[in-house]
Protein backbone atom coordinates (compact mmCIF):
# COMPACT_ATOMS: atom_id res chain seq x y z
CA MET A 1 -13.86 -27.58 12.56
CA ILE A 2 -13.65 -27.14 16.34
CA PRO A 3 -15.38 -30.23 17.93
CA VAL A 4 -17.57 -29.12 20.94
CA GLN A 5 -16.24 -30.43 24.25
CA GLY A 6 -18.33 -31.75 27.09
CA VAL A 7 -21.28 -32.97 25.14
CA GLU A 8 -20.42 -36.68 24.64
CA ASN A 9 -23.63 -38.82 24.73
CA GLN A 10 -25.83 -35.76 25.39
CA THR A 11 -28.86 -34.86 23.27
CA ILE A 12 -28.40 -31.32 21.97
CA ALA A 13 -31.07 -29.45 20.03
CA VAL A 14 -30.06 -26.92 17.38
CA LEU A 15 -32.60 -24.25 16.40
CA GLY A 16 -31.96 -22.65 13.01
CA LEU A 17 -30.07 -24.35 10.21
CA GLY A 18 -28.36 -21.51 8.38
CA ARG A 19 -24.65 -21.22 8.04
CA SER A 20 -23.88 -21.10 11.79
CA GLY A 21 -26.56 -23.59 12.61
CA ARG A 22 -25.20 -26.18 10.19
CA ALA A 23 -21.67 -25.61 11.47
CA THR A 24 -22.81 -25.99 15.04
CA ALA A 25 -24.72 -29.21 14.39
CA ALA A 26 -21.51 -30.73 12.72
CA ALA A 27 -19.29 -29.52 15.60
CA LEU A 28 -21.64 -31.01 18.17
CA ALA A 29 -21.80 -34.34 16.42
CA ALA A 30 -17.96 -34.31 16.21
CA GLY A 31 -17.93 -33.88 19.95
CA GLY A 32 -20.01 -36.98 20.37
CA ALA A 33 -23.41 -35.44 20.97
CA HIS A 34 -26.74 -36.78 19.59
CA VAL A 35 -27.99 -33.79 17.55
CA ILE A 36 -31.68 -33.00 16.82
CA ALA A 37 -32.61 -29.93 14.95
CA TRP A 38 -35.35 -27.65 13.67
CA ASP A 39 -35.83 -24.62 11.34
CA ASP A 40 -38.89 -22.66 10.64
CA SER A 41 -38.29 -22.86 6.94
CA ALA A 42 -39.75 -25.95 5.24
CA GLU A 43 -37.22 -25.62 2.49
CA THR A 44 -34.23 -25.49 4.86
CA ARG A 45 -35.65 -28.47 6.75
CA ALA A 46 -35.92 -30.47 3.57
CA GLY A 47 -32.32 -29.80 2.81
CA ALA A 48 -31.13 -30.72 6.25
CA GLU A 49 -33.22 -33.97 6.19
CA ALA A 50 -31.68 -34.89 2.90
CA ASP A 51 -28.23 -34.44 4.49
CA GLY A 52 -29.19 -36.97 7.24
CA MET A 53 -30.04 -34.63 10.06
CA THR A 54 -32.65 -35.70 12.61
CA LEU A 55 -35.48 -33.16 12.63
CA VAL A 56 -37.82 -32.64 15.62
CA ASP A 57 -40.47 -29.97 15.80
CA LEU A 58 -39.15 -27.93 18.75
CA THR A 59 -42.01 -25.47 18.64
CA ARG A 60 -44.45 -28.05 19.87
CA GLU A 61 -44.74 -29.62 23.35
CA ALA A 62 -44.40 -33.11 21.84
CA GLY A 63 -40.84 -32.21 20.63
CA TRP A 64 -39.74 -32.01 24.25
CA ASP A 65 -41.01 -35.43 25.27
CA ARG A 66 -37.43 -36.66 25.62
CA GLN A 67 -34.35 -35.72 27.58
CA ILE A 68 -32.81 -32.59 25.92
CA ASP A 69 -29.64 -31.34 27.58
CA ALA A 70 -29.29 -27.97 25.85
CA LEU A 71 -30.76 -25.85 23.10
CA ILE A 72 -28.33 -24.03 20.81
CA THR A 73 -30.02 -21.21 18.85
CA SER A 74 -28.82 -19.28 15.90
CA PRO A 75 -28.13 -15.48 16.37
CA GLY A 76 -31.04 -14.06 14.48
CA ILE A 77 -33.68 -15.92 16.52
CA PRO A 78 -35.14 -13.77 19.37
CA HIS A 79 -34.97 -15.35 22.82
CA LEU A 80 -36.52 -12.58 24.93
CA TYR A 81 -37.65 -9.41 23.05
CA PRO A 82 -39.87 -8.56 21.36
CA GLN A 83 -41.02 -12.14 22.30
CA PRO A 84 -39.22 -15.43 22.55
CA HIS A 85 -39.33 -17.90 19.75
CA PRO A 86 -41.72 -20.76 20.70
CA ALA A 87 -38.88 -23.31 20.96
CA ILE A 88 -36.82 -21.09 23.26
CA ALA A 89 -39.89 -20.40 25.40
CA LEU A 90 -40.48 -24.13 25.80
CA ALA A 91 -36.78 -24.71 26.64
CA CYS A 92 -36.87 -22.04 29.33
CA ALA A 93 -39.99 -23.44 30.77
CA ARG A 94 -38.36 -26.75 31.19
CA GLY A 95 -35.11 -25.26 32.58
CA VAL A 96 -33.12 -26.45 29.53
CA PRO A 97 -29.96 -24.28 29.14
CA VAL A 98 -30.07 -22.07 26.00
CA ASP A 99 -26.68 -21.22 24.41
CA ASN A 100 -25.21 -20.24 21.02
CA ASP A 101 -22.30 -21.23 18.87
CA VAL A 102 -20.10 -18.51 20.41
CA GLY A 103 -20.55 -19.98 23.88
CA LEU A 104 -19.74 -23.39 22.56
CA PHE A 105 -16.57 -22.04 20.88
CA PHE A 106 -15.15 -20.48 23.98
CA ARG A 107 -15.65 -23.61 26.03
CA SER A 108 -14.13 -25.88 23.37
CA PHE A 109 -11.29 -23.68 21.86
CA ALA A 110 -8.58 -24.74 24.28
CA THR A 111 -7.50 -28.46 24.05
CA ALA A 112 -4.95 -30.65 25.87
CA GLY A 113 -2.78 -30.32 22.77
CA TRP A 114 -1.94 -26.74 23.78
CA ASP A 115 0.39 -28.17 26.53
CA ASP A 116 2.93 -28.76 23.67
CA PHE A 117 2.64 -25.20 22.29
CA ALA A 118 5.32 -22.62 22.87
CA THR A 119 2.71 -19.82 22.72
CA PRO A 120 -0.90 -20.52 23.53
CA PRO A 121 -3.45 -19.29 20.85
CA ARG A 122 -5.32 -16.13 21.69
CA VAL A 123 -8.69 -14.63 20.64
CA ILE A 124 -9.38 -11.03 19.76
CA CYS A 125 -13.16 -10.15 19.67
CA VAL A 126 -14.58 -7.05 18.17
CA THR A 127 -18.05 -5.62 18.89
CA GLY A 128 -19.86 -2.32 18.62
CA SER A 129 -22.54 -0.68 16.40
CA ASN A 130 -20.50 0.61 13.42
CA GLY A 131 -17.17 -0.38 12.05
CA LYS A 132 -16.76 -3.81 13.61
CA SER A 133 -16.52 -5.70 10.33
CA THR A 134 -13.82 -3.31 9.03
CA THR A 135 -11.96 -3.35 12.32
CA THR A 136 -12.05 -7.22 12.44
CA ALA A 137 -10.81 -7.53 8.84
CA LEU A 138 -8.10 -4.93 9.44
CA ILE A 139 -6.71 -6.67 12.54
CA HIS A 140 -6.67 -9.95 10.56
CA HIS A 141 -4.94 -8.23 7.65
CA ILE A 142 -2.25 -6.68 9.88
CA LEU A 143 -1.54 -9.98 11.56
CA GLN A 144 -1.17 -11.70 8.21
CA GLU A 145 1.12 -9.03 6.99
CA ALA A 146 3.15 -9.39 10.07
CA GLY A 147 3.53 -13.13 9.43
CA ARG A 148 1.44 -14.08 12.48
CA PRO A 149 -0.72 -17.23 12.10
CA THR A 150 -4.37 -16.02 12.22
CA GLN A 151 -7.97 -16.89 11.32
CA MET A 152 -10.99 -14.62 11.10
CA GLY A 153 -14.67 -15.59 11.71
CA GLY A 154 -17.81 -14.95 13.70
CA ASN A 155 -20.20 -12.46 12.19
CA ILE A 156 -17.83 -12.06 9.20
CA GLY A 157 -16.55 -14.82 7.15
CA THR A 158 -16.40 -18.33 8.80
CA GLY A 159 -18.63 -19.45 11.61
CA VAL A 160 -16.86 -19.78 14.86
CA LEU A 161 -17.14 -23.59 15.07
CA ALA A 162 -16.16 -24.00 11.34
CA LEU A 163 -12.82 -22.48 12.08
CA GLU A 164 -9.79 -24.78 12.11
CA ALA A 165 -8.22 -25.86 15.42
CA PRO A 166 -5.58 -23.22 16.15
CA GLU A 167 -1.91 -23.80 15.71
CA ASP A 168 0.90 -22.73 18.00
CA GLY A 169 0.83 -18.98 18.61
CA GLU A 170 -2.27 -18.42 16.35
CA ILE A 171 -4.51 -15.46 16.92
CA VAL A 172 -8.22 -15.83 16.09
CA VAL A 173 -10.14 -12.62 15.25
CA LEU A 174 -13.86 -12.69 15.72
CA GLU A 175 -16.53 -10.10 14.92
CA LEU A 176 -19.39 -10.46 17.37
CA SER A 177 -22.76 -8.90 17.08
CA SER A 178 -25.00 -8.06 20.00
CA TYR A 179 -27.07 -11.01 19.08
CA GLN A 180 -24.10 -13.28 19.72
CA THR A 181 -22.80 -11.68 22.84
CA GLU A 182 -26.06 -11.37 24.71
CA LEU A 183 -26.62 -15.15 24.90
CA ALA A 184 -23.24 -16.86 24.86
CA ARG A 185 -22.75 -18.67 28.22
CA ALA A 186 -19.01 -18.58 27.82
CA LEU A 187 -17.11 -15.44 26.77
CA THR A 188 -13.42 -15.47 27.37
CA PRO A 189 -11.49 -13.36 24.83
CA ASP A 190 -7.88 -12.33 25.47
CA VAL A 191 -8.47 -8.95 23.84
CA ALA A 192 -11.89 -7.35 23.45
CA VAL A 193 -12.73 -4.24 21.28
CA PHE A 194 -15.74 -1.99 21.59
CA THR A 195 -15.88 0.45 18.63
CA ASN A 196 -18.84 2.64 19.39
CA LEU A 197 -22.53 2.58 20.13
CA SER A 198 -25.47 4.03 18.20
CA PRO A 199 -29.25 2.93 18.28
CA ASP A 200 -29.79 -0.34 16.58
CA HIS A 201 -31.78 -3.53 17.06
CA LEU A 202 -33.72 -1.88 19.77
CA ASP A 203 -36.81 -4.11 19.50
CA ARG A 204 -34.60 -7.19 19.84
CA HIS A 205 -33.02 -5.88 23.05
CA GLY A 206 -35.93 -4.15 24.74
CA GLY A 207 -34.44 -0.66 24.26
CA PRO A 208 -31.05 1.11 24.28
CA GLY A 209 -30.14 -0.20 27.73
CA GLY A 210 -30.63 -3.79 26.71
CA TYR A 211 -28.52 -3.18 23.62
CA PHE A 212 -25.69 -1.80 25.53
CA ALA A 213 -25.89 -4.49 28.10
CA ALA A 214 -25.52 -7.11 25.35
CA LYS A 215 -22.41 -5.51 24.14
CA ARG A 216 -21.11 -4.97 27.64
CA ARG A 217 -21.23 -8.73 28.46
CA LEU A 218 -18.14 -9.30 26.29
CA PHE A 219 -16.08 -7.12 28.71
CA ALA A 220 -17.75 -7.51 32.10
CA GLU A 221 -18.26 -11.26 31.93
CA GLY A 222 -15.53 -12.07 29.49
CA GLY A 223 -12.76 -10.67 31.63
CA PRO A 224 -10.32 -10.04 28.79
CA ASP A 225 -6.69 -9.22 29.53
CA ARG A 226 -7.03 -6.00 27.45
CA CYS A 227 -10.07 -3.98 26.85
CA ILE A 228 -10.05 -1.55 23.85
CA ILE A 229 -12.88 0.91 24.35
CA GLY A 230 -14.09 3.68 21.97
CA VAL A 231 -15.00 6.56 24.30
CA ASP A 232 -16.59 8.95 21.87
CA GLU A 233 -20.04 8.05 23.29
CA VAL A 234 -21.17 8.25 26.85
CA GLU A 235 -21.63 4.47 27.10
CA GLY A 236 -18.02 3.89 26.08
CA ARG A 237 -16.69 6.35 28.62
CA PHE A 238 -18.93 4.74 31.29
CA MET A 239 -17.71 1.23 30.49
CA ALA A 240 -14.02 2.18 30.42
CA GLY A 241 -14.40 3.76 33.77
CA GLN A 242 -16.09 0.61 35.11
CA LEU A 243 -13.38 -1.72 33.81
CA ALA A 244 -10.33 0.31 34.82
CA GLN A 245 -9.09 0.49 38.42
CA SER A 246 -7.82 4.07 37.82
CA PRO A 247 -7.14 6.40 34.85
CA GLN A 248 -3.62 4.92 34.67
CA ASP A 249 -4.81 1.30 34.46
CA ASP A 250 -3.29 0.23 31.06
CA ARG A 251 -5.45 -2.92 30.88
CA VAL A 252 -8.06 -0.50 29.32
CA ILE A 253 -6.95 1.17 26.09
CA ARG A 254 -9.19 4.12 25.31
CA ILE A 255 -9.59 5.18 21.67
CA SER A 256 -11.16 8.22 20.15
CA VAL A 257 -11.40 10.44 16.97
CA ASN A 258 -12.99 13.32 18.90
CA ALA A 259 -10.61 13.99 21.71
CA ARG A 260 -6.97 13.93 22.70
CA LEU A 261 -6.56 11.25 25.23
CA GLU A 262 -3.17 12.04 26.85
CA ARG A 263 -3.76 11.61 30.57
CA PHE A 264 -4.53 7.88 30.61
CA GLY A 265 -2.33 4.82 31.14
CA TRP A 266 -2.73 3.74 27.60
CA SER A 267 -4.66 5.46 24.72
CA VAL A 268 -4.86 5.65 20.88
CA PHE A 269 -6.55 8.57 19.26
CA ALA A 270 -6.70 10.16 15.71
CA ARG A 271 -6.91 13.93 15.12
CA LYS A 272 -6.70 15.60 11.71
CA GLY A 273 -5.58 12.53 10.02
CA PHE A 274 -2.83 11.57 12.48
CA LEU A 275 -2.94 8.60 14.81
CA SER A 276 -1.16 8.93 18.20
CA GLU A 277 -0.43 6.38 20.80
CA TYR A 278 0.14 7.57 24.40
CA ARG A 279 1.34 5.60 27.44
CA LYS A 280 1.58 7.07 30.92
CA GLY A 281 1.17 10.62 29.47
CA ARG A 282 3.92 10.28 26.89
CA GLN A 283 3.57 9.85 23.12
CA VAL A 284 5.24 6.60 21.98
CA ALA A 285 4.16 6.51 18.25
CA SER A 286 2.46 8.60 15.58
CA LEU A 287 1.08 7.51 12.16
CA ASP A 288 -0.14 9.59 9.19
CA LEU A 289 -3.53 8.08 8.10
CA ARG A 290 -4.32 10.67 5.42
CA GLY A 291 -2.89 8.86 2.41
CA ILE A 292 -4.25 5.46 3.23
CA THR A 293 -6.73 4.70 0.46
CA GLY A 294 -8.50 1.77 2.22
CA LEU A 295 -9.24 3.90 5.34
CA PRO A 296 -10.91 7.15 4.33
CA GLY A 297 -12.68 9.50 6.81
CA ALA A 298 -12.96 9.80 10.48
CA HIS A 299 -15.06 6.66 10.87
CA ASN A 300 -12.31 4.64 9.35
CA HIS A 301 -9.68 6.42 11.40
CA GLN A 302 -11.62 5.18 14.43
CA ASN A 303 -11.44 1.60 13.02
CA ALA A 304 -7.64 2.17 12.41
CA CYS A 305 -7.24 3.21 16.15
CA ALA A 306 -9.12 0.15 17.33
CA ALA A 307 -7.17 -2.28 15.11
CA TYR A 308 -3.89 -0.57 16.02
CA ALA A 309 -4.55 -0.87 19.67
CA ALA A 310 -5.52 -4.48 19.43
CA CYS A 311 -2.39 -5.35 17.42
CA ARG A 312 -0.20 -3.45 19.90
CA ALA A 313 -1.84 -5.35 22.73
CA VAL A 314 -0.66 -8.63 21.08
CA GLY A 315 2.91 -7.36 20.68
CA LEU A 316 3.13 -5.93 17.13
CA ALA A 317 5.38 -2.87 16.52
CA PRO A 318 3.96 0.41 15.24
CA ARG A 319 5.82 0.47 12.03
CA SER A 320 4.70 -3.13 11.13
CA ILE A 321 1.02 -1.94 11.72
CA GLU A 322 1.56 1.15 9.59
CA ALA A 323 2.95 -0.85 6.68
CA ALA A 324 -0.05 -3.15 6.80
CA PHE A 325 -2.50 -0.16 6.87
CA HIS A 326 -1.23 0.92 3.47
CA SER A 327 -1.88 -2.44 1.92
CA PHE A 328 -5.36 -2.74 3.30
CA ALA A 329 -7.93 -2.59 0.49
CA GLY A 330 -10.93 -2.19 2.63
CA LEU A 331 -14.06 -4.26 2.73
CA PRO A 332 -16.39 -4.54 -0.21
CA HIS A 333 -19.34 -2.07 -0.06
CA ARG A 334 -17.86 -0.10 2.89
CA SER A 335 -16.04 3.02 1.56
CA GLN A 336 -14.40 0.82 -0.95
CA THR A 337 -12.53 2.64 -3.67
CA VAL A 338 -13.44 0.86 -6.81
CA ALA A 339 -11.46 2.83 -9.37
CA GLU A 340 -9.83 6.22 -10.15
CA ILE A 341 -10.61 7.20 -13.72
CA ASP A 342 -9.27 10.43 -15.26
CA GLY A 343 -8.77 11.93 -11.82
CA VAL A 344 -12.19 10.95 -10.48
CA ARG A 345 -12.46 8.59 -7.56
CA TRP A 346 -15.34 6.06 -7.48
CA VAL A 347 -16.36 4.82 -4.06
CA ASN A 348 -18.76 1.98 -3.22
CA ASP A 349 -20.33 2.38 0.17
CA SER A 350 -23.56 0.41 -0.50
CA LYS A 351 -23.55 -0.73 3.10
CA ALA A 352 -24.55 2.89 4.03
CA THR A 353 -28.17 1.87 4.28
CA ASN A 354 -29.10 4.49 6.90
CA VAL A 355 -28.54 8.17 7.60
CA ASP A 356 -25.85 7.64 10.23
CA ALA A 357 -23.75 5.50 7.82
CA ALA A 358 -24.30 7.95 4.84
CA GLU A 359 -23.29 10.85 7.12
CA LYS A 360 -19.85 9.20 7.83
CA ALA A 361 -19.43 8.50 4.14
CA LEU A 362 -20.13 12.08 3.18
CA LEU A 363 -17.74 13.40 5.82
CA ALA A 364 -14.89 11.25 4.45
CA PHE A 365 -14.74 13.08 1.07
CA ASP A 366 -14.91 16.54 -0.53
CA ARG A 367 -16.54 17.51 -3.83
CA ILE A 368 -18.86 14.61 -4.03
CA ARG A 369 -21.25 13.41 -6.77
CA TRP A 370 -23.50 11.50 -4.59
CA ILE A 371 -25.64 8.54 -5.69
CA ALA A 372 -28.39 8.05 -3.18
CA GLY A 373 -31.82 6.43 -2.81
CA GLY A 374 -33.50 3.11 -2.62
CA LEU A 375 -36.14 2.14 -0.05
CA GLY A 376 -35.96 5.02 2.33
CA LYS A 377 -36.28 4.63 6.09
CA ASP A 378 -38.31 6.63 8.66
CA GLY A 379 -37.21 10.28 8.71
CA GLY A 380 -35.75 10.21 5.25
CA ILE A 381 -32.43 12.10 4.73
CA ALA A 382 -33.28 15.45 6.29
CA ALA A 383 -30.67 14.87 8.91
CA LEU A 384 -27.97 14.99 6.26
CA ALA A 385 -28.61 18.73 5.43
CA PRO A 386 -25.62 20.08 7.37
CA HIS A 387 -23.23 17.99 5.11
CA LEU A 388 -24.70 18.67 1.73
CA ASP A 389 -22.28 21.52 1.10
CA ARG A 390 -19.83 18.72 0.21
CA VAL A 391 -22.11 17.54 -2.58
CA VAL A 392 -21.57 18.97 -6.08
CA LYS A 393 -24.58 17.08 -7.30
CA ALA A 394 -26.86 14.20 -6.22
CA TYR A 395 -28.14 11.47 -8.49
CA LEU A 396 -31.20 9.96 -6.89
CA ILE A 397 -32.40 6.37 -7.61
CA GLY A 398 -35.07 3.98 -6.54
CA HIS A 399 -38.41 4.11 -4.63
CA SER A 400 -37.39 7.08 -2.49
CA ALA A 401 -35.71 9.24 -5.23
CA ARG A 402 -38.47 11.82 -5.44
CA SER A 403 -38.95 12.12 -1.71
CA PHE A 404 -35.20 12.49 -1.24
CA ALA A 405 -35.15 15.26 -3.84
CA LEU A 406 -37.66 17.20 -1.79
CA GLN A 407 -35.46 16.93 1.33
CA ILE A 408 -32.12 18.06 -0.17
CA GLY A 409 -33.36 21.62 -0.90
CA GLN A 410 -31.19 23.69 -3.09
CA THR A 411 -28.38 20.99 -3.53
CA PRO A 412 -28.09 20.33 -7.27
CA HIS A 413 -29.71 17.00 -8.03
CA GLU A 414 -31.34 14.84 -10.66
CA VAL A 415 -33.89 12.00 -10.35
CA VAL A 416 -32.44 9.24 -12.51
CA ASP A 417 -34.29 6.17 -11.05
CA THR A 418 -31.72 3.55 -11.90
CA MET A 419 -28.07 2.80 -11.03
CA ASP A 420 -27.19 2.43 -14.77
CA GLU A 421 -28.36 6.01 -15.39
CA ALA A 422 -26.79 7.35 -12.26
CA VAL A 423 -23.36 6.10 -13.07
CA ALA A 424 -23.68 7.22 -16.70
CA ARG A 425 -24.67 10.75 -15.71
CA ALA A 426 -21.95 10.96 -13.04
CA ALA A 427 -19.33 9.72 -15.41
CA ALA A 428 -20.43 12.30 -18.00
CA GLU A 429 -20.31 15.24 -15.54
CA ALA A 430 -17.61 14.46 -12.86
CA GLN A 431 -14.45 16.57 -12.91
CA PRO A 432 -10.79 15.62 -11.92
CA GLY A 433 -10.56 15.83 -8.11
CA GLU A 434 -14.19 14.84 -7.46
CA THR A 435 -15.44 11.62 -5.88
CA VAL A 436 -18.45 9.71 -7.12
CA LEU A 437 -19.88 8.19 -3.99
CA LEU A 438 -22.55 5.53 -3.76
CA ALA A 439 -23.90 5.98 -0.17
CA PRO A 440 -27.61 5.31 -0.55
CA ALA A 441 -28.93 6.25 2.92
CA ALA A 442 -31.58 3.68 2.11
CA ALA A 443 -32.27 -0.07 1.97
CA SER A 444 -31.85 -1.83 -1.39
CA PHE A 445 -34.94 -4.00 -1.41
CA ASP A 446 -36.86 -1.96 -3.97
CA GLN A 447 -34.33 -2.85 -6.77
CA TYR A 448 -31.93 -5.41 -5.31
CA PRO A 449 -32.12 -8.42 -3.00
CA ASN A 450 -29.47 -6.94 -0.65
CA PHE A 451 -26.96 -4.16 -0.36
CA GLU A 452 -24.20 -6.52 -1.70
CA ARG A 453 -25.89 -6.92 -5.06
CA ARG A 454 -26.44 -3.14 -5.25
CA GLY A 455 -22.79 -2.56 -4.61
CA GLU A 456 -21.75 -5.26 -7.08
CA HIS A 457 -23.86 -3.61 -9.75
CA PHE A 458 -22.26 -0.20 -9.04
CA THR A 459 -18.76 -1.75 -9.19
CA ALA A 460 -19.51 -3.54 -12.46
CA LEU A 461 -20.74 -0.36 -14.12
CA VAL A 462 -17.64 1.58 -12.92
CA GLN A 463 -15.30 -1.14 -14.19
CA ALA A 464 -17.04 -1.04 -17.57
CA LEU A 465 -16.08 2.59 -17.75
CA GLN A 466 -12.47 1.59 -17.76
CA GLY A 467 -12.99 -0.43 -20.99
């Protein structure tokens, strides 16, 4: 745990008592604060009260009839759009500062004990629309393989305040969502990574401009020593230009999978399966990504560029990074190779819950037997038509199976309804050299509680094929 600094004898309210909220309350108490808390769920409140927490209904005026020095809110609770949560509205009306656990982490991370360290700990933060979980996990994996002390947390794994106090020379790697960066009052990473931007959470941020602004805070207000910026979208190019003093400013490392970036002070890009690092117009390293099982496809090559750049920024050598790439197994449910059986590759990308993610998965493989369907989203899968020439046959499941069948035209397909039947049919028909790909392009809630359970079911069925 990282005790929160500067809160001794203060009354701090915590809104939301999920994983991060509980960790925040504990870290505040460890820092000497008097903690009061609230959650909209009666069941969650009952559990918190049983654990000895002081509950106050912060959604009512009477809950504020006391001195409250700050309100700390969990990431999923809206504070501005589409409308503020009642507790946050009451805090703002009274001028009570609103913060989150990420803000508390950055103001509490450094301690007097660092004076005895040979190398101060550092923080690498990763944000963006897609690929940030894989990039975060990949950076952490590379550091581990290189023998560097490291922890991983934030939006993946451990909550930021539940991390252990860092040791000498440690590097903490954090995945941060827009929900976390938009509200944190302190943001001071040493290295910050922006993977890419695509429309997401627009109701929460009041439109695409607000969404981009939430991501941009990590760089513009955080003042990192190194900024790693994906420039394959206009927003990334704009932000890189704002942060750099000139094209040769190597404090900004541009990354791309669409363009050769040879004219900048420092850049990393991947083309045709090869990663290149350039400095001052000269190539200094090249890696072959094509045979790396845990990083298939252009979208994962972008993740590889971001992780490579981050690890180079903290002093790792190219060959050390390349060796770690080969031992990276990938994250569950994200282009995860589950097995290879009789020359057929089985890939679990259950996280591909929308068309954009499914498109990236389809582009990563050839000769695909595609398992798709579930609870479809607005627009269906018509946008995937240009990529269906890669599909040998589709096996369609769930609520949207029949509507998906109407949208894929002449692509061979079969409506099978369930995952069990889809896996069985694909196993019976797949030929050596083909890939059976679960990339649903739909939510899971018609048949599963979440995409993880859907991916776990697929994985279990594939493993059963191995006997």
